[in-house]
Amino acid sequence: MREVIRKTYPRLGEITAPYVHAVKHGETLYVSGLTAFGTPAQHQGIAMQVEEIFRQIRHIARAEGTDLSALIKVTIFITSFNEIGALRTVLYQHYGDHLPASSLVEVSRLFSPDLLVEIEAIIGL
């Protein structure tokens, strides 16, 4: 059986709930849902929040010796499909030619009222 390694990344801030930033299993890293909570982007629009989340995902990928080109799948939770144009613009900038599989789900709200988006990721290592 392959080892399961639970990982936190201190640079991303303290975790105050019962989860870790990511779990490594074999050559795959499963990244928990990330938001802009606790950052200046928390009070900005969806584009800035997505930029912040991808800064976090990029940090995790680099810490594991890879980059965003290794994204396998993302799951995106947004509070309004009215923001989809701004969301897509930022996503294309980060993905480049390395488009991952993706799911997009509209939710009624996230855990803080000023959060507009949460993103989970699966990264190949």
Protein backbone atom coordinates (compact mmCIF):
# COMPACT_ATOMS: atom_id res chain seq x y z
CA MET A 1 0.00 0.00 0.00
CA ARG A 2 1.29 3.45 -0.88
CA GLU A 3 1.99 5.87 1.90
CA VAL A 4 -0.42 8.77 2.44
CA ILE A 5 1.34 11.96 3.47
CA ARG A 6 -0.65 14.87 4.90
CA LYS A 7 0.99 18.21 4.17
CA THR A 8 0.71 21.77 5.40
CA TYR A 9 2.60 24.73 3.97
CA PRO A 10 3.39 27.31 6.68
CA ARG A 11 3.69 30.10 4.10
CA LEU A 12 -0.03 29.68 3.36
CA GLY A 13 -0.98 30.54 6.91
CA GLU A 14 -2.27 28.69 9.91
CA ILE A 15 -5.03 26.16 9.43
CA THR A 16 -7.82 26.64 11.96
CA ALA A 17 -10.11 23.78 10.89
CA PRO A 18 -9.74 19.98 10.76
CA TYR A 19 -7.95 19.61 7.39
CA VAL A 20 -4.52 19.91 5.76
CA HIS A 21 -3.53 21.93 2.70
CA ALA A 22 -2.85 18.79 0.67
CA VAL A 23 -2.54 15.02 0.78
CA LYS A 24 0.09 13.18 -1.24
CA HIS A 25 -0.69 9.64 -2.36
CA GLY A 26 1.77 8.05 -4.73
CA GLU A 27 2.59 10.52 -7.45
CA THR A 28 -0.57 12.57 -6.96
CA LEU A 29 -1.20 15.58 -4.74
CA TYR A 30 -4.77 16.38 -3.72
CA VAL A 31 -5.07 20.05 -2.74
CA SER A 32 -7.86 21.09 -0.38
CA GLY A 33 -10.28 23.82 -1.38
CA LEU A 34 -8.40 27.11 -1.22
CA THR A 35 -9.85 30.61 -0.90
CA ALA A 36 -8.60 34.16 -0.52
CA PHE A 37 -9.63 34.14 3.16
CA GLY A 38 -7.29 36.19 5.35
CA THR A 39 -5.62 37.93 2.39
CA PRO A 40 -6.18 41.41 0.94
CA ALA A 41 -7.95 39.73 -2.01
CA GLN A 42 -10.70 38.49 0.32
CA HIS A 43 -12.45 41.85 -0.05
CA GLN A 44 -11.83 42.15 -3.81
CA GLY A 45 -13.68 40.82 -6.85
CA ILE A 46 -13.54 37.31 -8.23
CA ALA A 47 -10.53 37.98 -10.49
CA MET A 48 -8.36 39.05 -7.56
CA GLN A 49 -9.57 36.16 -5.44
CA VAL A 50 -8.70 33.66 -8.19
CA GLU A 51 -5.27 35.29 -8.58
CA GLU A 52 -4.67 34.78 -4.86
CA ILE A 53 -5.83 31.17 -4.97
CA PHE A 54 -3.53 30.42 -7.90
CA ARG A 55 -0.66 32.05 -6.03
CA GLN A 56 -1.33 29.50 -3.29
CA ILE A 57 -1.63 26.58 -5.72
CA ARG A 58 1.58 27.66 -7.46
CA HIS A 59 3.36 27.81 -4.08
CA ILE A 60 2.24 24.27 -3.26
CA ALA A 61 3.25 22.97 -6.70
CA ARG A 62 6.70 24.57 -6.43
CA ALA A 63 7.19 23.21 -2.92
CA GLU A 64 6.56 19.75 -4.42
CA GLY A 65 9.00 20.31 -7.31
CA THR A 66 6.52 21.00 -10.08
CA ASP A 67 4.40 23.81 -11.54
CA LEU A 68 0.91 24.59 -12.83
CA SER A 69 1.52 22.60 -16.01
CA ALA A 70 1.11 19.49 -13.81
CA LEU A 71 -2.50 20.35 -12.88
CA ILE A 72 -4.64 17.31 -13.59
CA LYS A 73 -8.04 18.58 -12.42
CA VAL A 74 -9.56 21.58 -10.71
CA THR A 75 -12.95 21.91 -9.09
CA ILE A 76 -14.18 25.47 -8.80
CA PHE A 77 -17.01 26.61 -6.56
CA ILE A 78 -18.37 30.10 -7.32
CA THR A 79 -21.17 32.01 -5.68
CA SER A 80 -22.50 33.49 -8.93
CA PHE A 81 -22.32 32.49 -12.57
CA ASN A 82 -22.56 36.22 -13.32
CA GLU A 83 -18.79 36.27 -12.65
CA ILE A 84 -17.92 33.55 -15.16
CA GLY A 85 -16.33 35.89 -17.73
CA ALA A 86 -13.83 37.32 -15.25
CA LEU A 87 -13.17 33.82 -13.90
CA ARG A 88 -12.40 32.37 -17.34
CA THR A 89 -10.04 35.21 -18.22
CA VAL A 90 -7.89 34.58 -15.16
CA LEU A 91 -8.00 30.80 -15.59
CA TYR A 92 -6.73 31.00 -19.19
CA GLN A 93 -3.86 33.21 -18.03
CA HIS A 94 -2.76 30.63 -15.46
CA TYR A 95 -3.34 27.48 -17.51
CA GLY A 96 -1.69 28.58 -20.74
CA ASP A 97 -1.54 25.52 -23.00
CA HIS A 98 -1.89 23.09 -20.08
CA LEU A 99 -5.65 22.90 -19.62
CA PRO A 100 -6.71 20.59 -16.76
CA ALA A 101 -9.94 18.65 -16.46
CA SER A 102 -12.36 20.93 -14.64
CA SER A 103 -15.68 21.14 -12.85
CA LEU A 104 -17.51 24.39 -12.13
CA VAL A 105 -20.23 24.48 -9.49
CA GLU A 106 -22.39 27.40 -8.38
CA VAL A 107 -22.99 27.41 -4.62
CA SER A 108 -25.25 29.61 -2.55
CA ARG A 109 -22.35 30.78 -0.38
CA LEU A 110 -18.95 29.93 1.01
CA PHE A 111 -17.93 30.02 4.68
CA SER A 112 -17.38 33.80 4.67
CA PRO A 113 -19.81 36.17 2.90
CA ASP A 114 -17.08 38.06 1.03
CA LEU A 115 -15.59 34.93 -0.52
CA LEU A 116 -16.70 34.48 -4.12
CA VAL A 117 -14.69 31.42 -5.15
CA GLU A 118 -13.02 28.29 -3.77
CA ILE A 119 -10.77 26.01 -5.82
CA GLU A 120 -9.63 22.42 -5.23
CA ALA A 121 -6.82 20.94 -7.33
CA ILE A 122 -5.23 17.63 -8.20
CA ILE A 123 -1.58 17.87 -9.24
CA GLY A 124 0.61 15.17 -10.76
CA LEU A 125 4.06 14.88 -9.25
